[in-house]
Amino acid sequence: MKKLYQLYFESEGGLLRHVCICAVDEVKDILEHYGELWETIVDSKLYLDMSIESLTSDPILQNYESVVGEILEDMETGEQFVYTYGWSDETDGYWCELLPYKEKSITP
């Protein structure tokens, strides 16, 4: 059974928004899908000169552009991590790492 985490998006002001429950290996897909949703629902309609609240009522999408990081909270231990990821030319593959998150405590 996969280890499960609470996934939060952290905004520039330090606000944490709960996204979902997932395993670490699912985060990459979740991030890609939110990026696609943002492009389809908001970014592609900027020419309409409408507020983001008119385009979507989803608070996560409304604040997606201000996301500066992803925080994972272990559902068993409550330990919090910063989700770090990238692409390695050396291994020609995607990598991710969980780093301890000590700045603040998550409150849903």
PDB file of N, CA and C in Angstrom:
ATOM      1  N   MET A   1       0.845  -1.185   0.000  1.00  0.00           N
ATOM      2  CA  MET A   1       0.000   0.000   0.000  1.00  0.00           C
ATOM      3  C   MET A   1       0.889   1.246   0.000  1.00  0.00           C
ATOM      4  N   LYS A   2       0.520   2.225  -0.844  1.00  0.00           N
ATOM      5  CA  LYS A   2       1.295   3.461  -0.952  1.00  0.00           C
ATOM      6  C   LYS A   2       1.074   4.345   0.271  1.00  0.00           C
ATOM      7  N   LYS A   3       2.135   5.054   0.640  1.00  0.00           N
ATOM      8  CA  LYS A   3       2.052   6.047   1.720  1.00  0.00           C
ATOM      9  C   LYS A   3       1.273   7.249   1.193  1.00  0.00           C
ATOM     10  N   LEU A   4       0.322   7.732   1.973  1.00  0.00           N
ATOM     11  CA  LEU A   4      -0.519   8.839   1.529  1.00  0.00           C
ATOM     12  C   LEU A   4      -0.186  10.139   2.245  1.00  0.00           C
ATOM     13  N   TYR A   5      -0.376  11.233   1.524  1.00  0.00           N
ATOM     14  CA  TYR A   5      -0.081  12.581   2.008  1.00  0.00           C
ATOM     15  C   TYR A   5      -1.246  13.506   1.697  1.00  0.00           C
ATOM     16  N   GLN A   6      -1.381  14.548   2.510  1.00  0.00           N
ATOM     17  CA  GLN A   6      -2.256  15.670   2.192  1.00  0.00           C
ATOM     18  C   GLN A   6      -1.410  16.605   1.325  1.00  0.00           C
ATOM     19  N   LEU A   7      -1.909  16.990   0.164  1.00  0.00           N
ATOM     20  CA  LEU A   7      -1.201  17.918  -0.714  1.00  0.00           C
ATOM     21  C   LEU A   7      -1.793  19.310  -0.545  1.00  0.00           C
ATOM     22  N   TYR A   8      -0.912  20.294  -0.325  1.00  0.00           N
ATOM     23  CA  TYR A   8      -1.300  21.696  -0.198  1.00  0.00           C
ATOM     24  C   TYR A   8      -0.535  22.512  -1.224  1.00  0.00           C
ATOM     25  N   PHE A   9      -1.171  23.541  -1.785  1.00  0.00           N
ATOM     26  CA  PHE A   9      -0.479  24.543  -2.585  1.00  0.00           C
ATOM     27  C   PHE A   9      -0.187  25.714  -1.664  1.00  0.00           C
ATOM     28  N   GLU A  10       1.056  26.178  -1.679  1.00  0.00           N
ATOM     29  CA  GLU A  10       1.440  27.342  -0.880  1.00  0.00           C
ATOM     30  C   GLU A  10       1.502  28.559  -1.775  1.00  0.00           C
ATOM     31  N   SER A  11       0.818  29.645  -1.378  1.00  0.00           N
ATOM     32  CA  SER A  11       0.809  30.888  -2.135  1.00  0.00           C
ATOM     33  C   SER A  11       1.878  31.825  -1.614  1.00  0.00           C
ATOM     34  N   GLU A  12       2.149  32.882  -2.381  1.00  0.00           N
ATOM     35  CA  GLU A  12       3.191  33.841  -2.032  1.00  0.00           C
ATOM     36  C   GLU A  12       3.036  34.395  -0.621  1.00  0.00           C
ATOM     37  N   GLY A  13       1.831  34.634  -0.182  1.00  0.00           N
ATOM     38  CA  GLY A  13       1.597  35.185   1.145  1.00  0.00           C
ATOM     39  C   GLY A  13       1.679  34.155   2.259  1.00  0.00           C
ATOM     40  N   GLY A  14       2.002  32.907   1.929  1.00  0.00           N
ATOM     41  CA  GLY A  14       2.110  31.860   2.938  1.00  0.00           C
ATOM     42  C   GLY A  14       0.814  31.092   3.158  1.00  0.00           C
ATOM     43  N   LEU A  15      -0.248  31.463   2.443  1.00  0.00           N
ATOM     44  CA  LEU A  15      -1.518  30.763   2.568  1.00  0.00           C
ATOM     45  C   LEU A  15      -1.397  29.358   1.991  1.00  0.00           C
ATOM     46  N   LEU A  16      -1.883  28.359   2.727  1.00  0.00           N
ATOM     47  CA  LEU A  16      -1.863  26.973   2.277  1.00  0.00           C
ATOM     48  C   LEU A  16      -3.281  26.526   1.948  1.00  0.00           C
ATOM     49  N   ARG A  17      -3.460  26.030   0.725  1.00  0.00           N
ATOM     50  CA  ARG A  17      -4.775  25.543   0.294  1.00  0.00           C
ATOM     51  C   ARG A  17      -4.712  24.047   0.089  1.00  0.00           C
ATOM     52  N   HIS A  18      -5.608  23.324   0.756  1.00  0.00           N
ATOM     53  CA  HIS A  18      -5.661  21.873   0.615  1.00  0.00           C
ATOM     54  C   HIS A  18      -6.131  21.528  -0.797  1.00  0.00           C
ATOM     55  N   VAL A  19      -5.389  20.614  -1.457  1.00  0.00           N
ATOM     56  CA  VAL A  19      -5.722  20.202  -2.816  1.00  0.00           C
ATOM     57  C   VAL A  19      -6.375  18.829  -2.811  1.00  0.00           C
ATOM     58  N   CYS A  20      -5.686  17.840  -2.208  1.00  0.00           N
ATOM     59  CA  CYS A  20      -6.208  16.475  -2.227  1.00  0.00           C
ATOM     60  C   CYS A  20      -5.335  15.570  -1.354  1.00  0.00           C
ATOM     61  N   ILE A  21      -5.701  14.303  -1.303  1.00  0.00           N
ATOM     62  CA  ILE A  21      -4.898  13.252  -0.689  1.00  0.00           C
ATOM     63  C   ILE A  21      -4.290  12.459  -1.832  1.00  0.00           C
ATOM     64  N   CYS A  22      -2.970  12.191  -1.753  1.00  0.00           N
ATOM     65  CA  CYS A  22      -2.306  11.491  -2.850  1.00  0.00           C
ATOM     66  C   CYS A  22      -1.022  10.833  -2.373  1.00  0.00           C
ATOM     67  N   ALA A  23      -0.451  10.004  -3.237  1.00  0.00           N
ATOM     68  CA  ALA A  23       0.882   9.440  -3.017  1.00  0.00           C
ATOM     69  C   ALA A  23       1.892  10.356  -3.708  1.00  0.00           C
ATOM     70  N   VAL A  24       3.147  10.284  -3.300  1.00  0.00           N
ATOM     71  CA  VAL A  24       4.184  11.149  -3.866  1.00  0.00           C
ATOM     72  C   VAL A  24       4.268  10.992  -5.378  1.00  0.00           C
ATOM     73  N   ASP A  25       4.158   9.763  -5.867  1.00  0.00           N
ATOM     74  CA  ASP A  25       4.310   9.553  -7.308  1.00  0.00           C
ATOM     75  C   ASP A  25       3.112  10.053  -8.121  1.00  0.00           C
ATOM     76  N   GLU A  26       2.080  10.547  -7.462  1.00  0.00           N
ATOM     77  CA  GLU A  26       0.929  11.118  -8.157  1.00  0.00           C
ATOM     78  C   GLU A  26       0.995  12.639  -8.258  1.00  0.00           C
ATOM     79  N   VAL A  27       1.886  13.274  -7.498  1.00  0.00           N
ATOM     80  CA  VAL A  27       1.939  14.733  -7.434  1.00  0.00           C
ATOM     81  C   VAL A  27       2.265  15.340  -8.796  1.00  0.00           C
ATOM     82  N   LYS A  28       3.210  14.774  -9.506  1.00  0.00           N
ATOM     83  CA  LYS A  28       3.598  15.307 -10.819  1.00  0.00           C
ATOM     84  C   LYS A  28       2.385  15.393 -11.742  1.00  0.00           C
ATOM     85  N   ASP A  29       1.587  14.333 -11.800  1.00  0.00           N
ATOM     86  CA  ASP A  29       0.397  14.336 -12.651  1.00  0.00           C
ATOM     87  C   ASP A  29      -0.627  15.369 -12.190  1.00  0.00           C
ATOM     88  N   ILE A  30      -0.795  15.509 -10.883  1.00  0.00           N
ATOM     89  CA  ILE A  30      -1.728  16.494 -10.338  1.00  0.00           C
ATOM     90  C   ILE A  30      -1.299  17.904 -10.735  1.00  0.00           C
ATOM     91  N   LEU A  31       0.006  18.191 -10.615  1.00  0.00           N
ATOM     92  CA  LEU A  31       0.515  19.512 -10.992  1.00  0.00           C
ATOM     93  C   LEU A  31       0.308  19.775 -12.475  1.00  0.00           C
ATOM     94  N   GLU A  32       0.566  18.775 -13.309  1.00  0.00           N
ATOM     95  CA  GLU A  32       0.372  18.937 -14.752  1.00  0.00           C
ATOM     96  C   GLU A  32      -1.097  19.195 -15.078  1.00  0.00           C
ATOM     97  N   HIS A  33      -1.994  18.492 -14.414  1.00  0.00           N
ATOM     98  CA  HIS A  33      -3.422  18.674 -14.677  1.00  0.00           C
ATOM     99  C   HIS A  33      -3.905  20.054 -14.231  1.00  0.00           C
ATOM    100  N   TYR A  34      -3.437  20.533 -13.080  1.00  0.00           N
ATOM    101  CA  TYR A  34      -3.823  21.883 -12.650  1.00  0.00           C
ATOM    102  C   TYR A  34      -3.284  22.924 -13.622  1.00  0.00           C
ATOM    103  N   GLY A  35      -2.089  22.708 -14.145  1.00  0.00           N
ATOM    104  CA  GLY A  35      -1.542  23.615 -15.156  1.00  0.00           C
ATOM    105  C   GLY A  35      -2.402  23.635 -16.409  1.00  0.00           C
ATOM    106  N   GLU A  36      -2.854  22.468 -16.842  1.00  0.00           N
ATOM    107  CA  GLU A  36      -3.728  22.377 -18.018  1.00  0.00           C
ATOM    108  C   GLU A  36      -5.088  23.024 -17.744  1.00  0.00           C
ATOM    109  N   LEU A  37      -5.636  22.797 -16.542  1.00  0.00           N
ATOM    110  CA  LEU A  37      -6.910  23.426 -16.185  1.00  0.00           C
ATOM    111  C   LEU A  37      -6.783  24.943 -16.200  1.00  0.00           C
ATOM    112  N   TRP A  38      -5.696  25.462 -15.630  1.00  0.00           N
ATOM    113  CA  TRP A  38      -5.471  26.909 -15.607  1.00  0.00           C
ATOM    114  C   TRP A  38      -5.432  27.447 -17.030  1.00  0.00           C
ATOM    115  N   GLU A  39      -4.693  26.775 -17.897  1.00  0.00           N
ATOM    116  CA  GLU A  39      -4.572  27.214 -19.292  1.00  0.00           C
ATOM    117  C   GLU A  39      -5.937  27.207 -19.991  1.00  0.00           C
ATOM    118  N   THR A  40      -6.688  26.122 -19.818  1.00  0.00           N
ATOM    119  CA  THR A  40      -7.968  25.961 -20.504  1.00  0.00           C
ATOM    120  C   THR A  40      -9.057  26.886 -19.966  1.00  0.00           C
ATOM    121  N   ILE A  41      -9.150  26.987 -18.655  1.00  0.00           N
ATOM    122  CA  ILE A  41     -10.262  27.721 -18.038  1.00  0.00           C
ATOM    123  C   ILE A  41      -9.976  29.217 -17.887  1.00  0.00           C
ATOM    124  N   VAL A  42      -8.733  29.574 -17.598  1.00  0.00           N
ATOM    125  CA  VAL A  42      -8.431  30.974 -17.284  1.00  0.00           C
ATOM    126  C   VAL A  42      -7.560  31.630 -18.351  1.00  0.00           C
ATOM    127  N   ASP A  43      -6.358  31.131 -18.535  1.00  0.00           N
ATOM    128  CA  ASP A  43      -5.367  31.793 -19.391  1.00  0.00           C
ATOM    129  C   ASP A  43      -5.865  31.986 -20.828  1.00  0.00           C
ATOM    130  N   SER A  44      -6.553  30.998 -21.368  1.00  0.00           N
ATOM    131  CA  SER A  44      -7.013  31.088 -22.755  1.00  0.00           C
ATOM    132  C   SER A  44      -8.181  32.061 -22.930  1.00  0.00           C
ATOM    133  N   LYS A  45      -8.725  32.551 -21.823  1.00  0.00           N
ATOM    134  CA  LYS A  45      -9.876  33.453 -21.902  1.00  0.00           C
ATOM    135  C   LYS A  45      -9.581  34.856 -21.362  1.00  0.00           C
ATOM    136  N   LEU A  46      -8.305  35.169 -21.204  1.00  0.00           N
ATOM    137  CA  LEU A  46      -7.942  36.483 -20.688  1.00  0.00           C
ATOM    138  C   LEU A  46      -8.430  37.610 -21.600  1.00  0.00           C
ATOM    139  N   TYR A  47      -8.546  37.328 -22.892  1.00  0.00           N
ATOM    140  CA  TYR A  47      -9.007  38.333 -23.846  1.00  0.00           C
ATOM    141  C   TYR A  47     -10.447  38.796 -23.555  1.00  0.00           C
ATOM    142  N   LEU A  48     -11.200  38.014 -22.779  1.00  0.00           N
ATOM    143  CA  LEU A  48     -12.583  38.360 -22.455  1.00  0.00           C
ATOM    144  C   LEU A  48     -12.673  39.506 -21.449  1.00  0.00           C
ATOM    145  N   ASP A  49     -11.545  39.828 -20.812  1.00  0.00           N
ATOM    146  CA  ASP A  49     -11.502  40.896 -19.826  1.00  0.00           C
ATOM    147  C   ASP A  49     -12.536  40.672 -18.714  1.00  0.00           C
ATOM    148  N   MET A  50     -12.580  39.424 -18.214  1.00  0.00           N
ATOM    149  CA  MET A  50     -13.481  39.055 -17.125  1.00  0.00           C
ATOM    150  C   MET A  50     -12.654  38.739 -15.888  1.00  0.00           C
ATOM    151  N   SER A  51     -13.278  38.864 -14.743  1.00  0.00           N
ATOM    152  CA  SER A  51     -12.575  38.512 -13.506  1.00  0.00           C
ATOM    153  C   SER A  51     -12.402  37.000 -13.446  1.00  0.00           C
ATOM    154  N   ILE A  52     -11.403  36.570 -12.711  1.00  0.00           N
ATOM    155  CA  ILE A  52     -11.175  35.135 -12.566  1.00  0.00           C
ATOM    156  C   ILE A  52     -12.352  34.473 -11.862  1.00  0.00           C
ATOM    157  N   GLU A  53     -13.006  35.206 -10.972  1.00  0.00           N
ATOM    158  CA  GLU A  53     -14.170  34.672 -10.279  1.00  0.00           C
ATOM    159  C   GLU A  53     -15.323  34.403 -11.242  1.00  0.00           C
ATOM    160  N   SER A  54     -15.364  35.128 -12.362  1.00  0.00           N
ATOM    161  CA  SER A  54     -16.381  34.887 -13.380  1.00  0.00           C
ATOM    162  C   SER A  54     -16.069  33.634 -14.197  1.00  0.00           C
ATOM    163  N   LEU A  55     -14.789  33.309 -14.299  1.00  0.00           N
ATOM    164  CA  LEU A  55     -14.366  32.166 -15.108  1.00  0.00           C
ATOM    165  C   LEU A  55     -14.429  30.840 -14.357  1.00  0.00           C
ATOM    166  N   THR A  56     -14.214  30.887 -13.028  1.00  0.00           N
ATOM    167  CA  THR A  56     -14.255  29.661 -12.228  1.00  0.00           C
ATOM    168  C   THR A  56     -14.589  29.991 -10.780  1.00  0.00           C
ATOM    169  N   SER A  57     -15.295  29.086 -10.123  1.00  0.00           N
ATOM    170  CA  SER A  57     -15.583  29.270  -8.697  1.00  0.00           C
ATOM    171  C   SER A  57     -14.641  28.430  -7.839  1.00  0.00           C
ATOM    172  N   ASP A  58     -13.714  27.716  -8.471  1.00  0.00           N
ATOM    173  CA  ASP A  58     -12.763  26.864  -7.759  1.00  0.00           C
ATOM    174  C   ASP A  58     -11.686  27.731  -7.101  1.00  0.00           C
ATOM    175  N   PRO A  59     -11.624  27.755  -5.753  1.00  0.00           N
ATOM    176  CA  PRO A  59     -10.643  28.616  -5.076  1.00  0.00           C
ATOM    177  C   PRO A  59      -9.190  28.227  -5.373  1.00  0.00           C
ATOM    178  N   ILE A  60      -8.944  26.966  -5.663  1.00  0.00           N
ATOM    179  CA  ILE A  60      -7.571  26.559  -5.984  1.00  0.00           C
ATOM    180  C   ILE A  60      -7.165  27.134  -7.337  1.00  0.00           C
ATOM    181  N   LEU A  61      -8.042  27.031  -8.328  1.00  0.00           N
ATOM    182  CA  LEU A  61      -7.736  27.610  -9.640  1.00  0.00           C
ATOM    183  C   LEU A  61      -7.677  29.132  -9.578  1.00  0.00           C
ATOM    184  N   GLN A  62      -8.555  29.741  -8.787  1.00  0.00           N
ATOM    185  CA  GLN A  62      -8.549  31.195  -8.673  1.00  0.00           C
ATOM    186  C   GLN A  62      -7.204  31.699  -8.151  1.00  0.00           C
ATOM    187  N   ASN A  63      -6.534  30.896  -7.345  1.00  0.00           N
ATOM    188  CA  ASN A  63      -5.264  31.308  -6.745  1.00  0.00           C
ATOM    189  C   ASN A  63      -4.064  30.560  -7.323  1.00  0.00           C
ATOM    190  N   TYR A  64      -4.254  29.801  -8.383  1.00  0.00           N
ATOM    191  CA  TYR A  64      -3.196  28.951  -8.940  1.00  0.00           C
ATOM    192  C   TYR A  64      -1.976  29.751  -9.382  1.00  0.00           C
ATOM    193  N   GLU A  65      -2.195  30.922  -9.951  1.00  0.00           N
ATOM    194  CA  GLU A  65      -1.083  31.722 -10.462  1.00  0.00           C
ATOM    195  C   GLU A  65      -0.144  32.191  -9.346  1.00  0.00           C
ATOM    196  N   SER A  66      -0.636  32.236  -8.114  1.00  0.00           N
ATOM    197  CA  SER A  66       0.203  32.696  -7.005  1.00  0.00           C
ATOM    198  C   SER A  66       0.880  31.549  -6.246  1.00  0.00           C
ATOM    199  N   VAL A  67       0.708  30.311  -6.720  1.00  0.00           N
ATOM    200  CA  VAL A  67       1.325  29.161  -6.051  1.00  0.00           C
ATOM    201  C   VAL A  67       2.845  29.243  -6.195  1.00  0.00           C
ATOM    202  N   VAL A  68       3.538  29.118  -5.060  1.00  0.00           N
ATOM    203  CA  VAL A  68       4.997  29.160  -5.069  1.00  0.00           C
ATOM    204  C   VAL A  68       5.616  27.830  -4.650  1.00  0.00           C
ATOM    205  N   GLY A  69       4.791  26.889  -4.204  1.00  0.00           N
ATOM    206  CA  GLY A  69       5.340  25.601  -3.795  1.00  0.00           C
ATOM    207  C   GLY A  69       4.252  24.623  -3.411  1.00  0.00           C
ATOM    208  N   GLU A  70       4.693  23.387  -3.262  1.00  0.00           N
ATOM    209  CA  GLU A  70       3.779  22.320  -2.874  1.00  0.00           C
ATOM    210  C   GLU A  70       4.259  21.736  -1.557  1.00  0.00           C
ATOM    211  N   ILE A  71       3.343  21.544  -0.627  1.00  0.00           N
ATOM    212  CA  ILE A  71       3.645  20.996   0.685  1.00  0.00           C
ATOM    213  C   ILE A  71       2.895  19.679   0.835  1.00  0.00           C
ATOM    214  N   LEU A  72       3.589  18.662   1.305  1.00  0.00           N
ATOM    215  CA  LEU A  72       2.969  17.370   1.574  1.00  0.00           C
ATOM    216  C   LEU A  72       3.020  17.096   3.066  1.00  0.00           C
ATOM    217  N   GLU A  73       1.908  16.640   3.618  1.00  0.00           N
ATOM    218  CA  GLU A  73       1.836  16.282   5.023  1.00  0.00           C
ATOM    219  C   GLU A  73       1.533  14.790   5.128  1.00  0.00           C
ATOM    220  N   ASP A  74       2.444  14.060   5.763  1.00  0.00           N
ATOM    221  CA  ASP A  74       2.287  12.617   5.948  1.00  0.00           C
ATOM    222  C   ASP A  74       1.031  12.364   6.774  1.00  0.00           C
ATOM    223  N   MET A  75       0.128  11.550   6.254  1.00  0.00           N
ATOM    224  CA  MET A  75      -1.146  11.314   6.944  1.00  0.00           C
ATOM    225  C   MET A  75      -0.987  10.476   8.205  1.00  0.00           C
ATOM    226  N   GLU A  76       0.090   9.707   8.308  1.00  0.00           N
ATOM    227  CA  GLU A  76       0.308   8.888   9.495  1.00  0.00           C
ATOM    228  C   GLU A  76       1.018   9.647  10.599  1.00  0.00           C
ATOM    229  N   THR A  77       2.058  10.404  10.240  1.00  0.00           N
ATOM    230  CA  THR A  77       2.894  11.042  11.250  1.00  0.00           C
ATOM    231  C   THR A  77       2.638  12.536  11.417  1.00  0.00           C
ATOM    232  N   GLY A  78       2.005  13.172  10.416  1.00  0.00           N
ATOM    233  CA  GLY A  78       1.809  14.612  10.456  1.00  0.00           C
ATOM    234  C   GLY A  78       3.045  15.389  10.031  1.00  0.00           C
ATOM    235  N   GLU A  79       4.141  14.689   9.715  1.00  0.00           N
ATOM    236  CA  GLU A  79       5.373  15.353   9.280  1.00  0.00           C
ATOM    237  C   GLU A  79       5.123  16.062   7.954  1.00  0.00           C
ATOM    238  N   GLN A  80       5.708  17.250   7.831  1.00  0.00           N
ATOM    239  CA  GLN A  80       5.471  18.088   6.654  1.00  0.00           C
ATOM    240  C   GLN A  80       6.726  18.207   5.807  1.00  0.00           C
ATOM    241  N   PHE A  81       6.516  18.216   4.478  1.00  0.00           N
ATOM    242  CA  PHE A  81       7.618  18.253   3.525  1.00  0.00           C
ATOM    243  C   PHE A  81       7.335  19.238   2.399  1.00  0.00           C
ATOM    244  N   VAL A  82       8.426  19.815   1.886  1.00  0.00           N
ATOM    245  CA  VAL A  82       8.358  20.587   0.653  1.00  0.00           C
ATOM    246  C   VAL A  82       8.610  19.604  -0.485  1.00  0.00           C
ATOM    247  N   TYR A  83       7.745  19.638  -1.494  1.00  0.00           N
ATOM    248  CA  TYR A  83       7.887  18.767  -2.655  1.00  0.00           C
ATOM    249  C   TYR A  83       8.782  19.484  -3.663  1.00  0.00           C
ATOM    250  N   THR A  84       9.931  18.904  -3.966  1.00  0.00           N
ATOM    251  CA  THR A  84      10.881  19.469  -4.912  1.00  0.00           C
ATOM    252  C   THR A  84      11.001  18.514  -6.083  1.00  0.00           C
ATOM    253  N   TYR A  85      11.063  19.051  -7.285  1.00  0.00           N
ATOM    254  CA  TYR A  85      11.087  18.188  -8.459  1.00  0.00           C
ATOM    255  C   TYR A  85      11.848  18.849  -9.599  1.00  0.00           C
ATOM    256  N   GLY A  86      12.174  18.052 -10.605  1.00  0.00           N
ATOM    257  CA  GLY A  86      12.861  18.574 -11.777  1.00  0.00           C
ATOM    258  C   GLY A  86      13.136  17.477 -12.783  1.00  0.00           C
ATOM    259  N   TRP A  87      13.944  17.828 -13.763  1.00  0.00           N
ATOM    260  CA  TRP A  87      14.315  16.906 -14.826  1.00  0.00           C
ATOM    261  C   TRP A  87      15.829  16.770 -14.818  1.00  0.00           C
ATOM    262  N   SER A  88      16.326  15.546 -14.938  1.00  0.00           N
ATOM    263  CA  SER A  88      17.765  15.306 -14.950  1.00  0.00           C
ATOM    264  C   SER A  88      18.202  14.857 -16.342  1.00  0.00           C
ATOM    265  N   ASP A  89      19.101  15.631 -16.953  1.00  0.00           N
ATOM    266  CA  ASP A  89      19.654  15.227 -18.251  1.00  0.00           C
ATOM    267  C   ASP A  89      20.569  14.018 -18.097  1.00  0.00           C
ATOM    268  N   GLU A  90      21.201  13.903 -16.923  1.00  0.00           N
ATOM    269  CA  GLU A  90      22.111  12.782 -16.679  1.00  0.00           C
ATOM    270  C   GLU A  90      21.375  11.444 -16.726  1.00  0.00           C
ATOM    271  N   THR A  91      20.214  11.403 -16.110  1.00  0.00           N
ATOM    272  CA  THR A  91      19.452  10.149 -16.087  1.00  0.00           C
ATOM    273  C   THR A  91      18.318  10.165 -17.107  1.00  0.00           C
ATOM    274  N   ASP A  92      18.165  11.315 -17.804  1.00  0.00           N
ATOM    275  CA  ASP A  92      17.085  11.499 -18.761  1.00  0.00           C
ATOM    276  C   ASP A  92      15.751  11.119 -18.137  1.00  0.00           C
ATOM    277  N   GLY A  93      15.528  11.648 -16.950  1.00  0.00           N
ATOM    278  CA  GLY A  93      14.307  11.293 -16.242  1.00  0.00           C
ATOM    279  C   GLY A  93      13.884  12.341 -15.237  1.00  0.00           C
ATOM    280  N   TYR A  94      12.671  12.207 -14.796  1.00  0.00           N
ATOM    281  CA  TYR A  94      12.044  13.081 -13.816  1.00  0.00           C
ATOM    282  C   TYR A  94      12.442  12.618 -12.423  1.00  0.00           C
ATOM    283  N   TRP A  95      12.700  13.547 -11.516  1.00  0.00           N
ATOM    284  CA  TRP A  95      13.029  13.191 -10.135  1.00  0.00           C
ATOM    285  C   TRP A  95      12.207  14.070  -9.188  1.00  0.00           C
ATOM    286  N   CYS A  96      12.005  13.568  -7.996  1.00  0.00           N
ATOM    287  CA  CYS A  96      11.372  14.378  -6.964  1.00  0.00           C
ATOM    288  C   CYS A  96      12.017  14.044  -5.624  1.00  0.00           C
ATOM    289  N   GLU A  97      11.881  14.978  -4.709  1.00  0.00           N
ATOM    290  CA  GLU A  97      12.482  14.811  -3.388  1.00  0.00           C
ATOM    291  C   GLU A  97      11.586  15.511  -2.373  1.00  0.00           C
ATOM    292  N   LEU A  98      11.504  14.937  -1.183  1.00  0.00           N
ATOM    293  CA  LEU A  98      10.771  15.567  -0.093  1.00  0.00           C
ATOM    294  C   LEU A  98      11.773  16.146   0.890  1.00  0.00           C
ATOM    295  N   LEU A  99      11.679  17.446   1.132  1.00  0.00           N
ATOM    296  CA  LEU A  99      12.567  18.125   2.070  1.00  0.00           C
ATOM    297  C   LEU A  99      11.758  18.561   3.282  1.00  0.00           C
ATOM    298  N   PRO A 100      12.327  18.494   4.482  1.00  0.00           N
ATOM    299  CA  PRO A 100      11.576  18.898   5.684  1.00  0.00           C
ATOM    300  C   PRO A 100      11.043  20.323   5.562  1.00  0.00           C
ATOM    301  N   TYR A 101       9.830  20.521   6.007  1.00  0.00           N
ATOM    302  CA  TYR A 101       9.157  21.819   5.977  1.00  0.00           C
ATOM    303  C   TYR A 101       8.987  22.271   7.416  1.00  0.00           C
ATOM    304  N   LYS A 102       9.727  23.301   7.802  1.00  0.00           N
ATOM    305  CA  LYS A 102       9.742  23.685   9.221  1.00  0.00           C
ATOM    306  C   LYS A 102       9.237  25.102   9.468  1.00  0.00           C
ATOM    307  N   GLU A 103       8.926  25.851   8.410  1.00  0.00           N
ATOM    308  CA  GLU A 103       8.581  27.252   8.600  1.00  0.00           C
ATOM    309  C   GLU A 103       7.301  27.469   9.389  1.00  0.00           C
ATOM    310  N   LYS A 104       6.270  26.717   9.068  1.00  0.00           N
ATOM    311  CA  LYS A 104       4.991  26.919   9.753  1.00  0.00           C
ATOM    312  C   LYS A 104       4.218  25.626   9.768  1.00  0.00           C
ATOM    313  N   SER A 105       3.272  25.574  10.594  1.00  0.00           N
ATOM    314  CA  SER A 105       2.436  24.385  10.692  1.00  0.00           C
ATOM    315  C   SER A 105       1.218  24.547   9.788  1.00  0.00           C
ATOM    316  N   ILE A 106       0.790  23.470   9.186  1.00  0.00           N
ATOM    317  CA  ILE A 106      -0.351  23.494   8.283  1.00  0.00           C
ATOM    318  C   ILE A 106      -1.641  23.416   9.103  1.00  0.00           C
ATOM    319  N   THR A 107      -2.537  24.324   8.795  1.00  0.00           N
ATOM    320  CA  THR A 107      -3.867  24.256   9.410  1.00  0.00           C
ATOM    321  C   THR A 107      -4.887  24.312   8.299  1.00  0.00           C
ATOM    322  N   PRO A 108      -5.670  23.263   8.111  1.00  0.00           N
ATOM    323  CA  PRO A 108      -6.642  23.223   7.011  1.00  0.00           C
ATOM    324  C   PRO A 108      -7.689  24.311   7.126  1.00  0.00           C
TER     325      PRO A 108
END
